[in-house]
């Protein structure tokens, strides 16, 4: 019987101890991997260990244990989660807004000003606040993205075939060969110039499906805030994933 058939199935996760705390590590195998790698997501705090096909789980366990201090240090740098719940502060177009539950009757989610502060006012069953706020933010994102697309389409002479919203972890936007644009709804949390830049970036790909000098020249003609927006995303982008 082949050795591969005798090997026990891999566990989904490993556990290692560090200073009295248990660290939870997702285990993945990748046939193309040549060595063990560890990754801690700056966005979500997920810890993943990736193994080559023939590496034993016990070897991975020892490797993870030997890097427990490094894992803990990386996790300590991950921003704390902010749930969509009454009293929480979340950014909307880069400005802090406090979530306020008005009553338990179903009603529209809207932004109001109270005592010189911006408030996301929610009326619904308390159990549904998170979903209502998330849906509201997605609607606002879709509206702002659509408006930006309409601003750039005449200047580019092209428009996307479709626009969709997602909750991606590694990319804020993308453009397919079919001319479909995809964006993270979390862009509504960032300052408007960031969302505007991402739309210009992906629409430029409708003409230049690459990152060649011609692409960057086209993008620079379309959008005046390329450097500022990219710098903001580099500094703050991962923090947008802490919300919700």
Protein backbone atom coordinates (compact mmCIF):
# COMPACT_ATOMS: atom_id res chain seq x y z
CA UNK A 1 0.00 0.00 0.00
CA UNK A 2 1.45 3.43 -0.91
CA UNK A 3 2.81 5.41 2.03
CA UNK A 4 0.54 8.38 1.18
CA UNK A 5 -2.51 6.19 1.84
CA UNK A 6 -1.19 5.20 5.27
CA UNK A 7 -0.68 8.77 6.47
CA UNK A 8 -3.34 10.12 8.76
CA UNK A 9 -5.36 13.08 7.50
CA UNK A 10 -3.86 16.41 8.49
CA UNK A 11 -5.54 18.31 11.32
CA UNK A 12 -7.12 21.57 10.28
CA UNK A 13 -5.27 23.47 13.00
CA UNK A 14 -2.26 23.27 15.28
CA UNK A 15 -2.06 24.63 18.81
CA UNK A 16 1.10 25.95 20.45
CA UNK A 17 1.59 27.55 23.86
CA UNK A 18 3.29 30.86 24.54
CA UNK A 19 3.47 32.50 27.96
CA UNK A 20 0.31 30.73 29.12
CA UNK A 21 -1.68 31.55 25.99
CA UNK A 22 -2.75 29.07 23.32
CA UNK A 23 -2.02 30.10 19.73
CA UNK A 24 -4.37 28.74 17.05
CA UNK A 25 -2.66 28.03 13.71
CA UNK A 26 -4.41 26.92 10.51
CA UNK A 27 -2.54 24.18 8.65
CA UNK A 28 -2.35 24.10 4.85
CA UNK A 29 -0.45 21.95 2.38
CA UNK A 30 0.77 23.24 -0.95
CA UNK A 31 2.33 20.85 -3.48
CA UNK A 32 4.51 23.63 -4.89
CA UNK A 33 5.88 24.70 -1.49
CA UNK A 34 9.57 23.94 -0.95
CA UNK A 35 9.75 24.83 2.73
CA UNK A 36 7.55 25.51 5.75
CA UNK A 37 6.21 29.06 5.94
CA UNK A 38 4.30 30.95 8.62
CA UNK A 39 2.03 33.91 7.92
CA UNK A 40 0.07 36.16 10.28
CA UNK A 41 -2.58 38.24 8.51
CA UNK A 42 -2.27 41.89 9.49
CA UNK A 43 -5.93 42.29 8.56
CA UNK A 44 -7.60 39.46 10.47
CA UNK A 45 -4.95 37.98 12.77
CA UNK A 46 -5.31 34.57 11.15
CA UNK A 47 -2.15 32.48 11.55
CA UNK A 48 -1.41 30.00 8.74
CA UNK A 49 1.40 27.47 8.47
CA UNK A 50 1.98 26.09 4.96
CA UNK A 51 3.76 22.77 4.39
CA UNK A 52 5.30 21.00 1.41
CA UNK A 53 3.56 17.77 0.46
CA UNK A 54 5.96 15.43 2.25
CA UNK A 55 6.58 17.37 5.45
CA UNK A 56 5.30 15.60 8.58
CA UNK A 57 2.79 17.31 10.85
CA UNK A 58 5.10 16.72 13.82
CA UNK A 59 7.77 18.73 12.02
CA UNK A 60 5.28 21.53 11.47
CA UNK A 61 4.29 21.41 15.15
CA UNK A 62 7.92 21.81 16.25
CA UNK A 63 8.46 24.59 13.72
CA UNK A 64 5.40 26.50 14.94
CA UNK A 65 6.41 26.04 18.59
CA UNK A 66 9.88 27.41 17.88
CA UNK A 67 8.31 30.53 16.37
CA UNK A 68 5.66 31.04 19.06
CA UNK A 69 7.23 34.28 20.26
CA UNK A 70 7.29 35.69 16.72
CA UNK A 71 3.64 34.72 16.20
CA UNK A 72 2.58 36.34 19.48
CA UNK A 73 4.44 39.55 18.62
CA UNK A 74 2.73 39.75 15.22
CA UNK A 75 -0.68 39.08 16.75
CA UNK A 76 -0.12 41.88 19.27
CA UNK A 77 0.19 44.30 16.35
CA UNK A 78 -3.15 43.31 14.79
CA UNK A 79 -5.76 46.03 15.52
CA UNK A 80 -8.57 45.04 17.88
CA UNK A 81 -11.88 44.12 16.27
CA UNK A 82 -14.66 46.70 16.24
CA UNK A 83 -18.07 45.08 15.96
CA UNK A 84 -21.02 46.78 14.32
CA UNK A 85 -22.95 47.32 17.54
CA UNK A 86 -24.52 50.26 19.39
CA UNK A 87 -21.91 52.61 20.78
CA UNK A 88 -19.14 51.50 18.43
CA UNK A 89 -17.29 54.06 16.34
CA UNK A 90 -16.63 53.21 12.70
CA UNK A 91 -15.27 55.35 9.88
CA UNK A 92 -17.51 56.39 7.01
CA UNK A 93 -15.67 58.09 4.16
CA UNK A 94 -12.74 58.48 6.54
CA UNK A 95 -14.67 60.22 9.33
CA UNK A 96 -15.64 58.63 12.66
CA UNK A 97 -19.33 57.81 13.11
CA UNK A 98 -20.95 56.36 16.22
CA UNK A 99 -23.57 53.62 15.80
CA UNK A 100 -26.76 54.45 17.68
CA UNK A 101 -29.76 52.13 18.06
CA UNK A 102 -32.91 54.30 18.14
CA UNK A 103 -35.61 51.72 18.78
CA UNK A 104 -36.57 48.18 17.90
CA UNK A 105 -38.97 49.13 15.11
CA UNK A 106 -37.76 48.49 11.60
CA UNK A 107 -36.65 51.62 9.78
CA UNK A 108 -34.06 53.06 7.46
CA UNK A 109 -30.42 53.37 8.48
CA UNK A 110 -29.29 56.97 8.08
CA UNK A 111 -26.55 59.40 9.03
CA UNK A 112 -27.46 62.29 11.34
CA UNK A 113 -25.58 64.99 13.26
CA UNK A 114 -25.94 65.10 17.02
CA UNK A 115 -24.02 67.48 19.28
CA UNK A 116 -21.48 68.14 16.52
CA UNK A 117 -20.90 64.39 16.09
CA UNK A 118 -21.79 62.12 13.18
CA UNK A 119 -24.11 59.22 14.01
CA UNK A 120 -25.23 56.15 12.06
CA UNK A 121 -28.81 55.88 13.28
CA UNK A 122 -30.29 52.38 13.23
CA UNK A 123 -33.85 51.28 13.99
CA UNK A 124 -34.29 47.52 14.16
CA UNK A 125 -34.19 44.52 16.45
CA UNK A 126 -30.88 44.66 18.40
CA UNK A 127 -29.91 41.26 17.00
CA UNK A 128 -29.95 42.69 13.47
CA UNK A 129 -27.84 45.83 14.05
CA UNK A 130 -24.64 44.35 12.61
CA UNK A 131 -26.32 43.19 9.41
CA UNK A 132 -28.20 46.45 8.95
CA UNK A 133 -25.06 48.54 9.38
CA UNK A 134 -23.07 46.32 7.05
CA UNK A 135 -25.80 46.48 4.39
CA UNK A 136 -25.96 50.26 4.76
CA UNK A 137 -22.20 50.61 4.28
CA UNK A 138 -22.29 48.34 1.24
CA UNK A 139 -25.07 50.45 -0.31
CA UNK A 140 -23.09 53.62 0.29
CA UNK A 141 -20.00 52.00 -1.23
CA UNK A 142 -21.93 50.90 -4.30
CA UNK A 143 -23.30 54.41 -4.77
CA UNK A 144 -19.90 56.11 -4.44
CA UNK A 145 -18.23 53.57 -6.72
CA UNK A 146 -20.94 53.98 -9.37
CA UNK A 147 -20.58 57.75 -9.24
CA UNK A 148 -16.80 57.52 -9.64
CA UNK A 149 -17.19 55.14 -12.58
CA UNK A 150 -19.53 57.60 -14.28
CA UNK A 151 -17.00 60.42 -13.77
CA UNK A 152 -14.15 58.46 -15.34
CA UNK A 153 -15.99 56.68 -18.17
CA UNK A 154 -16.28 59.73 -20.48
CA UNK A 155 -12.62 60.63 -19.97
CA UNK A 156 -11.47 57.08 -20.63
CA UNK A 157 -13.90 56.44 -23.45
CA UNK A 158 -14.71 53.06 -21.92
CA UNK A 159 -16.90 51.71 -19.18
CA UNK A 160 -17.02 48.40 -17.31
CA UNK A 161 -19.44 45.67 -18.31
CA UNK A 162 -20.31 45.08 -14.67
CA UNK A 163 -19.41 46.20 -11.15
CA UNK A 164 -19.60 43.95 -8.09
CA UNK A 165 -18.85 44.32 -4.37
CA UNK A 166 -16.91 41.80 -2.34
CA UNK A 167 -15.13 41.53 1.00
CA UNK A 168 -11.67 40.64 -0.24
CA UNK A 169 -8.63 40.38 2.05
CA UNK A 170 -5.74 40.81 -0.35
CA UNK A 171 -7.03 43.13 -3.08
CA UNK A 172 -9.11 46.29 -2.88
CA UNK A 173 -10.16 46.07 -6.50
CA UNK A 174 -9.71 44.05 -9.67
CA UNK A 175 -10.55 44.13 -13.36
CA UNK A 176 -11.27 41.01 -15.40
CA UNK A 177 -10.51 40.40 -19.07
CA UNK A 178 -14.27 40.71 -19.67
CA UNK A 179 -14.26 44.28 -18.38
CA UNK A 180 -15.84 43.48 -15.01
CA UNK A 181 -14.74 45.56 -12.03
CA UNK A 182 -14.74 44.17 -8.50
CA UNK A 183 -14.25 46.25 -5.37
CA UNK A 184 -14.17 45.76 -1.62
CA UNK A 185 -17.14 47.39 0.09
CA UNK A 186 -14.71 48.43 2.83
CA UNK A 187 -13.46 51.26 0.61
CA UNK A 188 -16.41 53.27 1.95
CA UNK A 189 -14.58 53.34 5.29
CA UNK A 190 -11.57 55.11 3.74
CA UNK A 191 -11.28 58.80 2.75
CA UNK A 192 -13.01 59.53 -0.58
CA UNK A 193 -9.72 60.05 -2.43
CA UNK A 194 -8.85 56.40 -1.77
CA UNK A 195 -12.06 55.04 -3.25
CA UNK A 196 -11.70 57.47 -6.17
CA UNK A 197 -8.15 56.29 -6.82
CA UNK A 198 -9.12 52.60 -6.76
CA UNK A 199 -11.84 53.23 -9.34
CA UNK A 200 -9.40 55.11 -11.58
CA UNK A 201 -6.85 52.32 -11.16
CA UNK A 202 -9.20 49.52 -12.14
CA UNK A 203 -10.78 51.50 -14.97
CA UNK A 204 -7.32 52.17 -16.40
CA UNK A 205 -6.99 48.40 -16.65
CA UNK A 206 -9.89 48.41 -19.10
CA UNK A 207 -7.40 49.87 -21.58
CA UNK A 208 -4.09 48.59 -20.18
CA UNK A 209 -4.43 45.13 -18.58
CA UNK A 210 -0.99 45.36 -16.98
CA UNK A 211 1.17 47.62 -14.81
CA UNK A 212 3.38 48.88 -17.61
CA UNK A 213 4.67 52.47 -17.89
CA UNK A 214 1.76 53.15 -20.25
CA UNK A 215 -0.68 52.02 -17.54
CA UNK A 216 0.84 54.32 -14.91
CA UNK A 217 0.92 57.22 -17.34
CA UNK A 218 -2.77 56.70 -18.12
CA UNK A 219 -3.63 56.42 -14.43
CA UNK A 220 -1.69 59.60 -13.67
CA UNK A 221 -3.69 61.46 -16.32
CA UNK A 222 -6.96 60.19 -14.85
CA UNK A 223 -6.28 60.62 -11.14
CA UNK A 224 -4.26 63.35 -9.38
CA UNK A 225 -4.02 61.49 -6.05
CA UNK A 226 -2.19 58.30 -6.98
CA UNK A 227 0.74 58.69 -4.58
CA UNK A 228 -1.34 60.04 -1.69
CA UNK A 229 -3.95 57.29 -1.98
CA UNK A 230 -1.37 54.50 -2.25
CA UNK A 231 0.49 55.90 0.77
CA UNK A 232 -2.76 55.98 2.79
CA UNK A 233 -3.54 52.37 1.87
CA UNK A 234 -0.04 51.26 2.79
CA UNK A 235 -0.32 52.90 6.21
CA UNK A 236 -3.97 52.24 7.01
CA UNK A 237 -5.41 49.67 4.61
CA UNK A 238 -5.14 46.65 6.89
CA UNK A 239 -6.99 48.49 9.67
CA UNK A 240 -10.15 48.63 7.54
CA UNK A 241 -10.57 44.88 8.07
CA UNK A 242 -10.97 45.30 11.83
CA UNK A 243 -14.53 46.62 11.44
CA UNK A 244 -17.55 44.37 11.46
